[in-house]
Amino acid sequence: MMRNQLSGYGVNMLPIEKPHLELLRQWRNSDFVREQMVSGEIIDEQQQLNWFQNISERQDQQHFIIQYRADYIGAANLKSCDGKPVTEAITLEPGIYIGDERYRSNILAFAPSLVLLDYCFDYLKVNQVTAKVKSQNSAALSYNGKLGYAEVDKDREYTIIALERERYIQSTGTLKNLLSRQRK
């Protein structure tokens, strides 16, 4: 698996390593994160280790822990929508959550998405990114709307949203300028 470290807008996104697993599991099992997941079950240590071993061997996914200053604050991932390696995919599905509650309602919460989307559009040259969001998760839908995502399908349980490069560029200029300023 290609092990890229991504950086920008004040955050670093590091490939997930074994020492990160327990923190990720704690976040993933928190009500705030778990209730928005497609699979809302509690994950035990063995399940977390099995997941890590699975993703470590896959080329159609990339997983990151998000770092701000010296703290880990969340997790992000990219998945190929067509089964191809991430580096060859035409459409990707990003996922992100902020596990550290200090940063959930903060403008900094946008930084990892901007880094991930810049990587998708500028480096990987994908045509589109898509996401599947629980329809009742109005906070995530609003957040993604600010990044330029548009709804493409919806049912009672899920809303499918998509984002193309031009709409992303048009929608995020102000956010990028705010997050590019020096932080104290």
N, C-alpha and C. Protein backbone atom coordinates (compact mmCIF):
# COMPACT_ATOMS: atom_id res chain seq x y z
N MET A 1 0.84 -1.18 0.00
CA MET A 1 0.00 0.00 0.00
C MET A 1 0.89 1.24 0.00
N MET A 2 0.53 2.21 -0.79
CA MET A 2 1.26 3.48 -0.82
C MET A 2 1.01 4.21 0.49
N ARG A 3 2.05 4.65 1.15
CA ARG A 3 1.93 5.23 2.49
C ARG A 3 2.26 6.72 2.43
N ASN A 4 1.31 7.51 2.03
CA ASN A 4 1.52 8.96 1.92
C ASN A 4 1.20 9.66 3.22
N GLN A 5 2.01 10.66 3.55
CA GLN A 5 1.66 11.60 4.60
C GLN A 5 1.19 12.85 3.89
N LEU A 6 0.04 13.38 4.30
CA LEU A 6 -0.51 14.58 3.69
C LEU A 6 -0.47 15.70 4.71
N SER A 7 -0.23 16.93 4.25
CA SER A 7 -0.17 18.07 5.16
C SER A 7 -0.75 19.30 4.49
N GLY A 8 -1.32 20.18 5.30
CA GLY A 8 -1.80 21.46 4.82
C GLY A 8 -2.81 22.05 5.79
N TYR A 9 -3.02 23.35 5.68
CA TYR A 9 -4.02 24.06 6.47
C TYR A 9 -3.86 23.82 7.97
N GLY A 10 -2.62 23.59 8.42
CA GLY A 10 -2.35 23.42 9.84
C GLY A 10 -2.44 22.00 10.37
N VAL A 11 -2.77 21.03 9.52
CA VAL A 11 -2.88 19.65 9.99
C VAL A 11 -1.95 18.72 9.20
N ASN A 12 -1.59 17.62 9.83
CA ASN A 12 -0.88 16.53 9.18
C ASN A 12 -1.79 15.32 9.18
N MET A 13 -1.74 14.58 8.12
CA MET A 13 -2.51 13.34 8.04
C MET A 13 -1.52 12.22 7.80
N LEU A 14 -1.36 11.39 8.82
CA LEU A 14 -0.34 10.35 8.82
C LEU A 14 -0.99 8.99 8.55
N PRO A 15 -0.32 8.14 7.79
CA PRO A 15 -0.87 6.79 7.61
C PRO A 15 -1.07 6.12 8.97
N ILE A 16 -2.17 5.44 9.12
CA ILE A 16 -2.47 4.77 10.39
C ILE A 16 -1.46 3.65 10.62
N GLU A 17 -0.94 3.63 11.84
CA GLU A 17 0.00 2.61 12.27
C GLU A 17 -0.57 1.91 13.51
N LYS A 18 0.00 0.79 13.85
CA LYS A 18 -0.51 -0.01 14.98
C LYS A 18 -0.65 0.79 16.28
N PRO A 19 0.31 1.66 16.65
CA PRO A 19 0.15 2.41 17.91
C PRO A 19 -1.08 3.33 17.94
N HIS A 20 -1.67 3.65 16.80
CA HIS A 20 -2.85 4.52 16.74
C HIS A 20 -4.15 3.77 17.02
N LEU A 21 -4.11 2.45 16.96
CA LEU A 21 -5.34 1.66 16.94
C LEU A 21 -6.24 1.86 18.15
N GLU A 22 -5.69 1.91 19.35
CA GLU A 22 -6.56 2.02 20.53
C GLU A 22 -7.26 3.38 20.58
N LEU A 23 -6.55 4.44 20.26
CA LEU A 23 -7.19 5.76 20.22
C LEU A 23 -8.30 5.79 19.16
N LEU A 24 -8.01 5.26 17.99
CA LEU A 24 -9.02 5.20 16.92
C LEU A 24 -10.23 4.39 17.36
N ARG A 25 -10.00 3.29 18.05
CA ARG A 25 -11.10 2.45 18.52
C ARG A 25 -11.95 3.19 19.56
N GLN A 26 -11.29 3.93 20.46
CA GLN A 26 -12.05 4.72 21.45
C GLN A 26 -12.93 5.75 20.75
N TRP A 27 -12.37 6.47 19.78
CA TRP A 27 -13.17 7.44 19.04
C TRP A 27 -14.30 6.76 18.31
N ARG A 28 -13.98 5.67 17.60
CA ARG A 28 -14.97 4.96 16.78
C ARG A 28 -16.12 4.44 17.64
N ASN A 29 -15.84 4.06 18.89
CA ASN A 29 -16.87 3.54 19.78
C ASN A 29 -17.63 4.63 20.52
N SER A 30 -17.18 5.88 20.44
CA SER A 30 -17.92 6.97 21.10
C SER A 30 -19.28 7.15 20.43
N ASP A 31 -20.27 7.50 21.21
CA ASP A 31 -21.62 7.68 20.66
C ASP A 31 -21.61 8.67 19.50
N PHE A 32 -20.89 9.77 19.65
CA PHE A 32 -20.88 10.82 18.64
C PHE A 32 -20.47 10.28 17.27
N VAL A 33 -19.42 9.46 17.23
CA VAL A 33 -18.92 8.93 15.96
C VAL A 33 -19.73 7.70 15.53
N ARG A 34 -19.90 6.77 16.44
CA ARG A 34 -20.53 5.48 16.12
C ARG A 34 -21.94 5.63 15.55
N GLU A 35 -22.70 6.56 16.10
CA GLU A 35 -24.09 6.73 15.66
C GLU A 35 -24.21 7.23 14.22
N GLN A 36 -23.13 7.78 13.66
CA GLN A 36 -23.17 8.27 12.28
C GLN A 36 -22.57 7.28 11.29
N MET A 37 -22.06 6.17 11.77
CA MET A 37 -21.44 5.16 10.91
C MET A 37 -22.50 4.26 10.29
N VAL A 38 -22.18 3.72 9.13
CA VAL A 38 -23.07 2.75 8.49
C VAL A 38 -23.24 1.55 9.42
N SER A 39 -22.14 1.08 10.01
CA SER A 39 -22.19 0.00 10.99
C SER A 39 -21.96 0.63 12.36
N GLY A 40 -22.99 0.66 13.19
CA GLY A 40 -22.91 1.34 14.47
C GLY A 40 -22.53 0.46 15.64
N GLU A 41 -22.01 -0.73 15.36
CA GLU A 41 -21.67 -1.64 16.45
C GLU A 41 -20.43 -1.18 17.21
N ILE A 42 -20.33 -1.63 18.46
CA ILE A 42 -19.13 -1.38 19.27
C ILE A 42 -18.03 -2.32 18.75
N ILE A 43 -16.83 -1.78 18.58
CA ILE A 43 -15.69 -2.53 18.05
C ILE A 43 -14.78 -2.94 19.20
N ASP A 44 -14.45 -4.23 19.28
CA ASP A 44 -13.52 -4.67 20.33
C ASP A 44 -12.08 -4.64 19.79
N GLU A 45 -11.12 -4.90 20.65
CA GLU A 45 -9.71 -4.80 20.27
C GLU A 45 -9.36 -5.74 19.12
N GLN A 46 -9.88 -6.96 19.14
CA GLN A 46 -9.57 -7.92 18.08
C GLN A 46 -10.17 -7.48 16.74
N GLN A 47 -11.38 -6.96 16.77
CA GLN A 47 -12.00 -6.45 15.53
C GLN A 47 -11.17 -5.30 14.97
N GLN A 48 -10.69 -4.42 15.84
CA GLN A 48 -9.87 -3.29 15.41
C GLN A 48 -8.58 -3.78 14.77
N LEU A 49 -7.95 -4.76 15.39
CA LEU A 49 -6.70 -5.32 14.85
C LEU A 49 -6.97 -6.00 13.51
N ASN A 50 -8.05 -6.75 13.40
CA ASN A 50 -8.40 -7.41 12.13
C ASN A 50 -8.63 -6.37 11.04
N TRP A 51 -9.32 -5.29 11.38
CA TRP A 51 -9.56 -4.19 10.42
C TRP A 51 -8.23 -3.62 9.94
N PHE A 52 -7.34 -3.35 10.89
CA PHE A 52 -6.04 -2.77 10.55
C PHE A 52 -5.25 -3.69 9.63
N GLN A 53 -5.24 -4.98 9.94
CA GLN A 53 -4.51 -5.93 9.10
C GLN A 53 -5.11 -5.97 7.69
N ASN A 54 -6.42 -5.88 7.60
CA ASN A 54 -7.11 -5.87 6.30
C ASN A 54 -6.73 -4.63 5.49
N ILE A 55 -6.85 -3.45 6.11
CA ILE A 55 -6.58 -2.22 5.35
C ILE A 55 -5.10 -2.07 5.01
N SER A 56 -4.23 -2.66 5.81
CA SER A 56 -2.79 -2.55 5.56
C SER A 56 -2.39 -3.23 4.26
N GLU A 57 -3.19 -4.19 3.82
CA GLU A 57 -2.87 -4.94 2.61
C GLU A 57 -3.63 -4.44 1.38
N ARG A 58 -4.49 -3.49 1.55
CA ARG A 58 -5.35 -3.06 0.44
C ARG A 58 -4.77 -1.84 -0.27
N GLN A 59 -4.95 -1.81 -1.59
CA GLN A 59 -4.52 -0.66 -2.38
C GLN A 59 -5.71 0.20 -2.78
N ASP A 60 -6.93 -0.29 -2.56
CA ASP A 60 -8.13 0.47 -2.94
C ASP A 60 -8.60 1.38 -1.80
N GLN A 61 -7.79 1.48 -0.73
CA GLN A 61 -8.11 2.35 0.40
C GLN A 61 -6.83 2.95 0.96
N GLN A 62 -6.96 4.16 1.52
CA GLN A 62 -5.87 4.78 2.28
C GLN A 62 -6.51 5.35 3.55
N HIS A 63 -5.86 5.12 4.69
CA HIS A 63 -6.39 5.54 5.99
C HIS A 63 -5.36 6.40 6.73
N PHE A 64 -5.85 7.46 7.35
CA PHE A 64 -4.99 8.43 8.01
C PHE A 64 -5.49 8.76 9.41
N ILE A 65 -4.56 9.10 10.30
CA ILE A 65 -4.91 9.73 11.56
C ILE A 65 -4.55 11.20 11.39
N ILE A 66 -5.42 12.06 11.87
CA ILE A 66 -5.26 13.51 11.70
C ILE A 66 -4.56 14.08 12.92
N GLN A 67 -3.51 14.86 12.66
CA GLN A 67 -2.74 15.47 13.74
C GLN A 67 -2.80 16.99 13.62
N TYR A 68 -3.09 17.64 14.73
CA TYR A 68 -3.01 19.10 14.81
C TYR A 68 -2.07 19.42 15.97
N ARG A 69 -1.02 20.14 15.64
CA ARG A 69 0.06 20.38 16.59
C ARG A 69 0.53 19.02 17.10
N ALA A 70 0.56 18.80 18.41
CA ALA A 70 1.05 17.52 18.93
C ALA A 70 -0.07 16.53 19.20
N ASP A 71 -1.32 16.91 18.92
CA ASP A 71 -2.47 16.06 19.25
C ASP A 71 -3.06 15.36 18.03
N TYR A 72 -3.46 14.14 18.25
CA TYR A 72 -4.28 13.45 17.25
C TYR A 72 -5.72 13.89 17.48
N ILE A 73 -6.41 14.26 16.39
CA ILE A 73 -7.76 14.81 16.58
C ILE A 73 -8.84 14.06 15.81
N GLY A 74 -8.46 13.16 14.90
CA GLY A 74 -9.49 12.47 14.14
C GLY A 74 -8.89 11.49 13.15
N ALA A 75 -9.76 11.00 12.28
CA ALA A 75 -9.35 10.02 11.28
C ALA A 75 -9.98 10.35 9.94
N ALA A 76 -9.31 9.94 8.88
CA ALA A 76 -9.81 10.18 7.52
C ALA A 76 -9.40 8.99 6.65
N ASN A 77 -10.16 8.80 5.58
CA ASN A 77 -9.81 7.73 4.66
C ASN A 77 -10.29 8.06 3.26
N LEU A 78 -9.73 7.35 2.31
CA LEU A 78 -10.16 7.39 0.92
C LEU A 78 -10.39 5.96 0.47
N LYS A 79 -11.50 5.75 -0.25
CA LYS A 79 -11.79 4.43 -0.81
C LYS A 79 -12.11 4.59 -2.28
N SER A 80 -11.57 3.70 -3.07
CA SER A 80 -11.86 3.67 -4.49
C SER A 80 -13.29 3.18 -4.69
N CYS A 81 -14.04 3.84 -5.57
CA CYS A 81 -15.42 3.44 -5.84
C CYS A 81 -15.52 2.34 -6.88
N ASP A 82 -14.41 2.05 -7.55
CA ASP A 82 -14.45 1.05 -8.63
C ASP A 82 -13.53 -0.15 -8.37
N GLY A 83 -13.00 -0.25 -7.15
CA GLY A 83 -12.14 -1.37 -6.80
C GLY A 83 -10.70 -1.24 -7.26
N LYS A 84 -10.40 -0.21 -8.03
CA LYS A 84 -9.02 0.02 -8.48
C LYS A 84 -8.21 0.58 -7.32
N PRO A 85 -6.88 0.53 -7.41
CA PRO A 85 -6.07 1.20 -6.40
C PRO A 85 -6.44 2.69 -6.32
N VAL A 86 -6.34 3.27 -5.15
CA VAL A 86 -6.66 4.69 -4.95
C VAL A 86 -5.94 5.55 -5.98
N THR A 87 -4.70 5.21 -6.27
CA THR A 87 -3.89 6.01 -7.19
C THR A 87 -4.34 5.91 -8.64
N GLU A 88 -5.25 4.98 -8.97
CA GLU A 88 -5.74 4.81 -10.34
C GLU A 88 -7.24 5.04 -10.47
N ALA A 89 -7.91 5.32 -9.37
CA ALA A 89 -9.37 5.44 -9.37
C ALA A 89 -9.83 6.70 -10.10
N ILE A 90 -11.01 6.64 -10.65
CA ILE A 90 -11.63 7.80 -11.30
C ILE A 90 -12.52 8.54 -10.30
N THR A 91 -13.16 7.78 -9.42
CA THR A 91 -14.01 8.35 -8.37
C THR A 91 -13.60 7.75 -7.03
N LEU A 92 -13.48 8.61 -6.03
CA LEU A 92 -13.12 8.19 -4.69
C LEU A 92 -14.21 8.58 -3.70
N GLU A 93 -14.25 7.85 -2.60
CA GLU A 93 -15.16 8.19 -1.50
C GLU A 93 -14.33 8.53 -0.28
N PRO A 94 -14.30 9.80 0.10
CA PRO A 94 -13.58 10.17 1.32
C PRO A 94 -14.48 9.97 2.55
N GLY A 95 -13.85 9.72 3.66
CA GLY A 95 -14.55 9.65 4.94
C GLY A 95 -13.71 10.36 5.98
N ILE A 96 -14.37 10.98 6.92
CA ILE A 96 -13.64 11.74 7.95
C ILE A 96 -14.50 11.85 9.19
N TYR A 97 -13.84 11.83 10.33
CA TYR A 97 -14.50 12.23 11.57
C TYR A 97 -13.48 12.88 12.49
N ILE A 98 -13.96 13.80 13.28
CA ILE A 98 -13.13 14.44 14.29
C ILE A 98 -13.46 13.76 15.61
N GLY A 99 -12.51 13.05 16.17
CA GLY A 99 -12.73 12.32 17.41
C GLY A 99 -12.54 13.18 18.63
N ASP A 100 -11.68 14.19 18.55
CA ASP A 100 -11.41 15.08 19.67
C ASP A 100 -12.47 16.17 19.68
N GLU A 101 -13.33 16.13 20.69
CA GLU A 101 -14.48 17.05 20.71
C GLU A 101 -14.10 18.53 20.75
N ARG A 102 -12.88 18.86 21.13
CA ARG A 102 -12.46 20.27 21.15
C ARG A 102 -12.45 20.88 19.76
N TYR A 103 -12.38 20.05 18.72
CA TYR A 103 -12.24 20.57 17.36
C TYR A 103 -13.44 20.30 16.46
N ARG A 104 -14.50 19.72 17.00
CA ARG A 104 -15.65 19.35 16.17
C ARG A 104 -16.41 20.55 15.62
N SER A 105 -16.59 21.56 16.41
CA SER A 105 -17.35 22.73 15.97
C SER A 105 -16.44 23.91 15.67
N ASN A 106 -15.22 23.61 15.33
CA ASN A 106 -14.19 24.60 15.09
C ASN A 106 -13.90 24.64 13.59
N ILE A 107 -13.53 25.80 13.07
CA ILE A 107 -13.20 25.89 11.64
C ILE A 107 -12.08 24.92 11.27
N LEU A 108 -11.23 24.57 12.25
CA LEU A 108 -10.15 23.62 11.99
C LEU A 108 -10.69 22.27 11.52
N ALA A 109 -11.92 21.94 11.84
CA ALA A 109 -12.52 20.67 11.41
C ALA A 109 -12.57 20.56 9.88
N PHE A 110 -12.52 21.70 9.17
CA PHE A 110 -12.52 21.68 7.70
C PHE A 110 -11.14 21.35 7.12
N ALA A 111 -10.08 21.59 7.89
CA ALA A 111 -8.72 21.42 7.37
C ALA A 111 -8.45 20.02 6.82
N PRO A 112 -8.78 18.95 7.55
CA PRO A 112 -8.50 17.62 7.00
C PRO A 112 -9.26 17.34 5.70
N SER A 113 -10.49 17.81 5.61
CA SER A 113 -11.24 17.61 4.36
C SER A 113 -10.58 18.35 3.20
N LEU A 114 -10.13 19.56 3.45
CA LEU A 114 -9.46 20.33 2.39
C LEU A 114 -8.17 19.63 1.94
N VAL A 115 -7.40 19.13 2.90
CA VAL A 115 -6.17 18.41 2.55
C VAL A 115 -6.51 17.18 1.72
N LEU A 116 -7.50 16.42 2.16
CA LEU A 116 -7.89 15.20 1.46
C LEU A 116 -8.42 15.50 0.06
N LEU A 117 -9.26 16.53 -0.05
CA LEU A 117 -9.83 16.87 -1.36
C LEU A 117 -8.80 17.48 -2.30
N ASP A 118 -7.88 18.29 -1.78
CA ASP A 118 -6.77 18.78 -2.62
C ASP A 118 -5.98 17.59 -3.17
N TYR A 119 -5.69 16.62 -2.33
CA TYR A 119 -4.97 15.41 -2.73
C TYR A 119 -5.74 14.66 -3.83
N CYS A 120 -7.04 14.52 -3.63
CA CYS A 120 -7.87 13.81 -4.63
C CYS A 120 -7.86 14.52 -5.99
N PHE A 121 -8.12 15.82 -5.97
CA PHE A 121 -8.29 16.55 -7.23
C PHE A 121 -6.96 16.98 -7.86
N ASP A 122 -6.00 17.41 -7.05
CA ASP A 122 -4.76 17.96 -7.60
C ASP A 122 -3.67 16.91 -7.82
N TYR A 123 -3.58 15.93 -6.95
CA TYR A 123 -2.51 14.93 -7.08
C TYR A 123 -3.02 13.66 -7.77
N LEU A 124 -4.14 13.13 -7.29
CA LEU A 124 -4.67 11.89 -7.86
C LEU A 124 -5.46 12.12 -9.15
N LYS A 125 -5.86 13.37 -9.38
CA LYS A 125 -6.57 13.76 -10.61
C LYS A 125 -7.90 13.02 -10.82
N VAL A 126 -8.62 12.75 -9.71
CA VAL A 126 -9.92 12.10 -9.84
C VAL A 126 -10.93 13.09 -10.44
N ASN A 127 -11.96 12.55 -11.05
CA ASN A 127 -13.02 13.36 -11.64
C ASN A 127 -14.04 13.80 -10.61
N GLN A 128 -14.28 12.94 -9.63
CA GLN A 128 -15.37 13.19 -8.69
C GLN A 128 -15.11 12.43 -7.39
N VAL A 129 -15.59 13.00 -6.29
CA VAL A 129 -15.65 12.27 -5.03
C VAL A 129 -17.11 12.18 -4.63
N THR A 130 -17.46 11.09 -3.98
CA THR A 130 -18.84 10.89 -3.53
C THR A 130 -18.83 10.49 -2.06
N ALA A 131 -19.95 10.65 -1.41
CA ALA A 131 -20.07 10.24 -0.02
C ALA A 131 -21.49 9.79 0.25
N LYS A 132 -21.61 8.89 1.21
CA LYS A 132 -22.90 8.39 1.67
C LYS A 132 -23.06 8.84 3.11
N VAL A 133 -24.05 9.69 3.36
CA VAL A 133 -24.25 10.31 4.68
C VAL A 133 -25.63 9.91 5.19
N LYS A 134 -25.73 9.60 6.46
CA LYS A 134 -27.05 9.32 7.03
C LYS A 134 -27.93 10.54 6.81
N SER A 135 -29.13 10.33 6.31
CA SER A 135 -30.01 11.44 5.94
C SER A 135 -30.36 12.35 7.12
N GLN A 136 -30.40 11.81 8.34
CA GLN A 136 -30.72 12.65 9.50
C GLN A 136 -29.50 13.40 10.04
N ASN A 137 -28.32 13.18 9.45
CA ASN A 137 -27.10 13.83 9.93
C ASN A 137 -26.97 15.21 9.27
N SER A 138 -27.79 16.14 9.74
CA SER A 138 -27.84 17.48 9.14
C SER A 138 -26.51 18.22 9.29
N ALA A 139 -25.77 17.96 10.37
CA ALA A 139 -24.47 18.63 10.56
C ALA A 139 -23.49 18.21 9.46
N ALA A 140 -23.43 16.92 9.16
CA ALA A 140 -22.51 16.44 8.11
C ALA A 140 -22.95 16.93 6.74
N LEU A 141 -24.24 16.96 6.49
CA LEU A 141 -24.73 17.44 5.19
C LEU A 141 -24.41 18.93 5.02
N SER A 142 -24.58 19.71 6.07
CA SER A 142 -24.26 21.14 6.02
C SER A 142 -22.75 21.35 5.82
N TYR A 143 -21.96 20.61 6.58
CA TYR A 143 -20.49 20.67 6.48
C TYR A 143 -20.06 20.39 5.04
N ASN A 144 -20.56 19.30 4.47
CA ASN A 144 -20.18 18.93 3.11
C ASN A 144 -20.71 19.93 2.08
N GLY A 145 -21.85 20.53 2.34
CA GLY A 145 -22.36 21.56 1.46
C GLY A 145 -21.42 22.75 1.37
N LYS A 146 -20.77 23.10 2.47
CA LYS A 146 -19.81 24.20 2.48
C LYS A 146 -18.57 23.87 1.63
N LEU A 147 -18.29 22.59 1.46
CA LEU A 147 -17.17 22.16 0.62
C LEU A 147 -17.56 22.10 -0.85
N GLY A 148 -18.87 22.22 -1.15
CA GLY A 148 -19.34 22.21 -2.53
C GLY A 148 -20.10 20.97 -2.95
N TYR A 149 -20.23 20.01 -2.05
CA TYR A 149 -20.97 18.78 -2.39
C TYR A 149 -22.42 19.11 -2.73
N ALA A 150 -22.99 18.34 -3.64
CA ALA A 150 -24.39 18.46 -4.02
C ALA A 150 -25.06 17.09 -3.87
N GLU A 151 -26.31 17.11 -3.48
CA GLU A 151 -27.07 15.87 -3.33
C GLU A 151 -27.36 15.27 -4.70
N VAL A 152 -27.13 13.96 -4.82
CA VAL A 152 -27.43 13.27 -6.07
C VAL A 152 -28.49 12.19 -5.90
N ASP A 153 -28.70 11.72 -4.67
CA ASP A 153 -29.73 10.73 -4.42
C ASP A 153 -30.03 10.72 -2.92
N LYS A 154 -31.26 10.31 -2.59
CA LYS A 154 -31.64 10.33 -1.18
C LYS A 154 -32.76 9.33 -0.95
N ASP A 155 -32.67 8.65 0.19
CA ASP A 155 -33.80 7.86 0.66
C ASP A 155 -33.95 8.16 2.15
N ARG A 156 -34.79 7.41 2.82
CA ARG A 156 -35.03 7.71 4.25
C ARG A 156 -33.76 7.57 5.08
N GLU A 157 -32.91 6.62 4.70
CA GLU A 157 -31.74 6.35 5.53
C GLU A 157 -30.48 7.10 5.13
N TYR A 158 -30.22 7.21 3.81
CA TYR A 158 -28.96 7.81 3.35
C TYR A 158 -29.16 8.86 2.27
N THR A 159 -28.24 9.83 2.27
CA THR A 159 -28.16 10.82 1.21
C THR A 159 -26.82 10.63 0.52
N ILE A 160 -26.84 10.48 -0.80
CA ILE A 160 -25.62 10.36 -1.58
C ILE A 160 -25.28 11.75 -2.10
N ILE A 161 -24.05 12.18 -1.83
CA ILE A 161 -23.60 13.50 -2.28
C ILE A 161 -22.36 13.33 -3.16
N ALA A 162 -22.14 14.28 -4.03
CA ALA A 162 -21.00 14.22 -4.94
C ALA A 162 -20.37 15.60 -5.08
N LEU A 163 -19.10 15.59 -5.41
CA LEU A 163 -18.34 16.83 -5.56
C LEU A 163 -17.39 16.70 -6.74
N GLU A 164 -17.43 17.70 -7.61
CA GLU A 164 -16.50 17.78 -8.73
C GLU A 164 -15.51 18.90 -8.47
N ARG A 165 -14.35 18.81 -9.09
CA ARG A 165 -13.23 19.73 -8.83
C ARG A 165 -13.63 21.20 -8.95
N GLU A 166 -14.27 21.60 -10.02
CA GLU A 166 -14.60 23.02 -10.22
C GLU A 166 -15.50 23.56 -9.12
N ARG A 167 -16.49 22.78 -8.74
CA ARG A 167 -17.40 23.22 -7.67
C ARG A 167 -16.65 23.31 -6.34
N TYR A 168 -15.72 22.39 -6.12
CA TYR A 168 -14.90 22.41 -4.92
C TYR A 168 -14.06 23.70 -4.87
N ILE A 169 -13.43 24.03 -5.98
CA ILE A 169 -12.60 25.24 -6.04
C ILE A 169 -13.45 26.48 -5.77
N GLN A 170 -14.62 26.56 -6.39
CA GLN A 170 -15.51 27.71 -6.21
C GLN A 170 -16.01 27.83 -4.78
N SER A 171 -16.23 26.72 -4.12
CA SER A 171 -16.86 26.72 -2.80
C SER A 171 -15.90 26.92 -1.64
N THR A 172 -14.61 26.69 -1.84
CA THR A 172 -13.70 26.62 -0.69
C THR A 172 -12.66 27.73 -0.60
N GLY A 173 -12.70 28.70 -1.48
CA GLY A 173 -11.69 29.76 -1.45
C GLY A 173 -11.59 30.47 -0.12
N THR A 174 -12.72 30.86 0.45
CA THR A 174 -12.72 31.57 1.73
C THR A 174 -12.21 30.68 2.85
N LEU A 175 -12.68 29.46 2.90
CA LEU A 175 -12.22 28.51 3.92
C LEU A 175 -10.71 28.31 3.84
N LYS A 176 -10.21 28.13 2.64
CA LYS A 176 -8.77 27.91 2.46
C LYS A 176 -7.97 29.13 2.92
N ASN A 177 -8.46 30.32 2.60
CA ASN A 177 -7.76 31.54 3.05
C ASN A 177 -7.75 31.64 4.56
N LEU A 178 -8.87 31.36 5.21
CA LEU A 178 -8.93 31.42 6.67
C LEU A 178 -7.98 30.42 7.33
N LEU A 179 -7.97 29.22 6.79
CA LEU A 179 -7.15 28.16 7.38
C LEU A 179 -5.68 28.27 7.00
N SER A 180 -5.35 29.04 5.99
CA SER A 180 -3.95 29.21 5.59
C SER A 180 -3.24 30.26 6.41
N ARG A 181 -3.99 31.04 7.15
CA ARG A 181 -3.36 32.05 8.02
C ARG A 181 -2.59 31.36 9.13
N GLN A 182 -1.58 32.05 9.63
CA GLN A 182 -0.78 31.49 10.72
C GLN A 182 -1.64 31.34 11.96
N ARG A 183 -1.57 30.19 12.60
CA ARG A 183 -2.28 29.94 13.85
C ARG A 183 -1.33 30.16 15.00
N LYS A 184 -1.88 30.71 16.08
CA LYS A 184 -1.05 30.94 17.27
C LYS A 184 -1.14 29.78 18.21
